[in-house]
Structure formats: structure tokens, C-alpha cells
Amino acid sequence: MSASVDSKFVHKIWQEVELSKMVEGGVPYPMLSDPGGEVGKLYGVYDEEDRVNVRGRFLIDPDGIIQAMEVLSPPVGRNPAELIRQVKAYQHVRATGEVMPSGWTPGAETLKPSPDLVGKVWTVWKPK
């Protein structure tokens, strides 16, 4: 889900005119209209002076725990590929209990946490 201070009508036009041309079929999740910035305030991304949300991204697991977050000022765009990589990584962790080394990409080697791995990650994971 996404949330912004824009109205549902702005979201509809944005989806039809812009997003559908950048992402096949448009974004596959609901967009919440938060005209008073209440959601943005809860997450610390609402700019009171300009009455807008700063670009924030929060990955929240099924238990309601924030697993990752990124906040960027408006001049810098977000990286959808990184978001997708992180979502896949957290889904894999949740399903298997394995963890991802730095720079992990889907299909790459994962690590099985154990006391034997402490101080020996370098023997298992060799970055290229």
C-alpha cells in the first residue's frame, strides 16, 4: 500500500496517465489518500510547512514489524529494483530462516545462521 496527501482523484489520474506507462498495468497495490497527513505524521515523514509527505518507504512484515525503511528528499528518486530485491529477501528469510549477506540478489547463496557461523562468514560467503 502507498499513502500520500493527494486525493483519490489525483491517485486515479496518476495511475492512469503516468504509472501505467512506467509499470505494466500500473502499481499493483492500493494507494491511500491521507489529506491531513496523519499516516505520514505517524511515520515521521509529514512536512507540516509544505503539507506533504517526504518520500518514505517502509517494509512492514505480516506481524506489523517495520523490517526496513528509506526516506529520501524529493529531488532524489527511489529505486524500484532495490525495493523488489528487499521484499524478496524478507520473504525468503521468513520462509526459510536463512539470511542474506550484503549485496544478495535473488537466487544467490544465502547463509544459515548458527553459532558456528559467528566470525566465519568469510569462509562461506565470498563477495565478487
Protein backbone atom coordinates (compact mmCIF):
# COMPACT_ATOMS: atom_id res chain seq x y z
CA MET A 1 0.00 0.00 0.00
CA SER A 2 1.10 3.57 -0.54
CA ALA A 3 -0.14 6.72 1.14
CA SER A 4 0.06 10.38 0.23
CA VAL A 5 -1.76 13.61 0.95
CA ASP A 6 -3.09 13.59 -2.62
CA SER A 7 -6.79 12.93 -3.19
CA LYS A 8 -8.15 9.68 -4.57
CA PHE A 9 -8.81 11.59 -7.80
CA VAL A 10 -5.15 12.60 -8.14
CA HIS A 11 -4.15 8.98 -7.45
CA LYS A 12 -6.54 7.79 -10.18
CA ILE A 13 -5.12 10.19 -12.78
CA TRP A 14 -1.53 9.46 -11.68
CA GLN A 15 -2.18 5.72 -12.06
CA GLU A 16 -3.87 6.08 -15.47
CA VAL A 17 -1.65 8.75 -17.03
CA GLU A 18 1.78 8.05 -15.54
CA LEU A 19 2.20 4.86 -13.54
CA SER A 20 0.51 2.62 -16.08
CA LYS A 21 3.14 3.72 -18.61
CA MET A 22 6.04 3.03 -16.23
CA VAL A 23 4.76 -0.20 -14.66
CA GLU A 24 2.73 -2.58 -16.80
CA GLY A 25 -0.83 -2.40 -15.50
CA GLY A 26 0.07 0.35 -13.00
CA VAL A 27 1.07 -0.20 -9.41
CA PRO A 28 -0.37 -3.48 -8.13
CA TYR A 29 -1.33 -2.20 -4.70
CA PRO A 30 -3.84 0.28 -3.23
CA MET A 31 -2.99 3.95 -2.81
CA LEU A 32 -4.36 5.56 0.36
CA SER A 33 -5.42 9.20 0.34
CA ASP A 34 -4.28 10.84 3.61
CA PRO A 35 -5.21 14.52 3.11
CA GLY A 36 -4.36 15.53 6.69
CA GLY A 37 -1.03 13.71 6.68
CA GLU A 38 -1.98 11.57 9.70
CA VAL A 39 -0.22 8.45 8.38
CA GLY A 40 2.82 10.49 7.37
CA LYS A 41 2.96 12.03 10.85
CA LEU A 42 2.94 8.55 12.46
CA TYR A 43 5.94 7.54 10.35
CA GLY A 44 7.77 10.85 10.73
CA VAL A 45 7.64 11.78 7.04
CA TYR A 46 5.00 14.54 7.04
CA ASP A 47 6.28 18.04 6.27
CA GLU A 48 3.97 20.36 8.26
CA GLU A 49 5.14 23.51 6.48
CA ASP A 50 4.54 22.25 2.93
CA ARG A 51 1.71 19.85 3.93
CA VAL A 52 3.22 16.95 2.00
CA ASN A 53 4.79 13.62 2.83
CA VAL A 54 8.50 13.33 2.19
CA ARG A 55 9.22 10.21 0.13
CA GLY A 56 9.34 7.38 2.63
CA ARG A 57 9.26 3.64 2.13
CA PHE A 58 8.57 1.19 4.94
CA LEU A 59 8.62 -2.60 4.61
CA ILE A 60 6.27 -3.96 7.24
CA ASP A 61 6.07 -7.70 7.83
CA PRO A 62 2.82 -9.64 8.39
CA ASP A 63 3.31 -9.22 12.15
CA GLY A 64 3.27 -5.42 11.79
CA ILE A 65 7.03 -5.00 12.43
CA ILE A 66 8.97 -2.50 10.31
CA GLN A 67 11.80 -4.51 8.75
CA ALA A 68 13.26 -1.79 6.51
CA MET A 69 12.77 1.89 5.82
CA GLU A 70 14.14 4.51 3.49
CA VAL A 71 13.38 8.24 3.47
CA LEU A 72 14.51 10.40 0.57
CA SER A 73 14.11 14.10 -0.05
CA PRO A 74 12.05 14.93 -3.17
CA PRO A 75 14.95 15.62 -5.60
CA VAL A 76 16.22 12.01 -5.40
CA GLY A 77 14.16 9.25 -6.99
CA ARG A 78 13.63 5.84 -5.48
CA ASN A 79 14.97 2.57 -6.85
CA PRO A 80 12.13 0.10 -7.51
CA ALA A 81 14.59 -2.73 -8.22
CA GLU A 82 16.07 -2.33 -4.73
CA LEU A 83 12.62 -2.37 -3.18
CA ILE A 84 11.74 -5.59 -5.00
CA ARG A 85 15.10 -7.14 -4.01
CA GLN A 86 14.44 -6.34 -0.36
CA VAL A 87 10.87 -7.66 -0.45
CA LYS A 88 12.09 -10.94 -1.97
CA ALA A 89 14.88 -11.16 0.62
CA TYR A 90 12.50 -10.67 3.56
CA GLN A 91 10.05 -13.18 2.08
CA HIS A 92 12.89 -15.70 1.75
CA VAL A 93 14.04 -15.09 5.33
CA ARG A 94 10.52 -15.54 6.63
CA ALA A 95 10.02 -18.76 4.65
CA THR A 96 13.40 -20.40 5.34
CA GLY A 97 15.12 -18.73 8.29
CA GLU A 98 18.18 -18.20 6.11
CA VAL A 99 19.75 -14.75 5.95
CA MET A 100 21.21 -12.73 3.15
CA PRO A 101 24.78 -11.47 3.01
CA SER A 102 25.50 -7.94 1.85
CA GLY A 103 24.60 -7.38 -1.79
CA TRP A 104 22.48 -10.54 -2.01
CA THR A 105 20.30 -10.92 -5.09
CA PRO A 106 17.51 -13.46 -5.64
CA GLY A 107 18.95 -16.86 -6.49
CA ALA A 108 22.33 -16.12 -4.89
CA GLU A 109 23.71 -18.04 -1.92
CA THR A 110 22.17 -17.42 1.49
CA LEU A 111 23.53 -18.12 4.95
CA LYS A 112 22.16 -20.42 7.63
CA PRO A 113 22.59 -18.63 10.96
CA SER A 114 24.22 -20.69 13.71
CA PRO A 115 26.79 -20.24 16.47
CA ASP A 116 29.30 -22.00 14.19
CA LEU A 117 28.96 -19.20 11.61
CA VAL A 118 29.96 -16.40 14.00
CA GLY A 119 33.30 -14.98 12.93
CA LYS A 120 33.43 -17.34 9.96
CA VAL A 121 31.04 -15.73 7.46
CA TRP A 122 34.06 -15.02 5.25
CA THR A 123 34.66 -18.79 4.90
CA VAL A 124 31.16 -19.30 3.48
CA TRP A 125 30.44 -16.08 1.64
CA LYS A 126 32.95 -14.80 -0.88
CA PRO A 127 31.85 -11.48 -2.45
CA LYS A 128 32.90 -10.99 -6.05
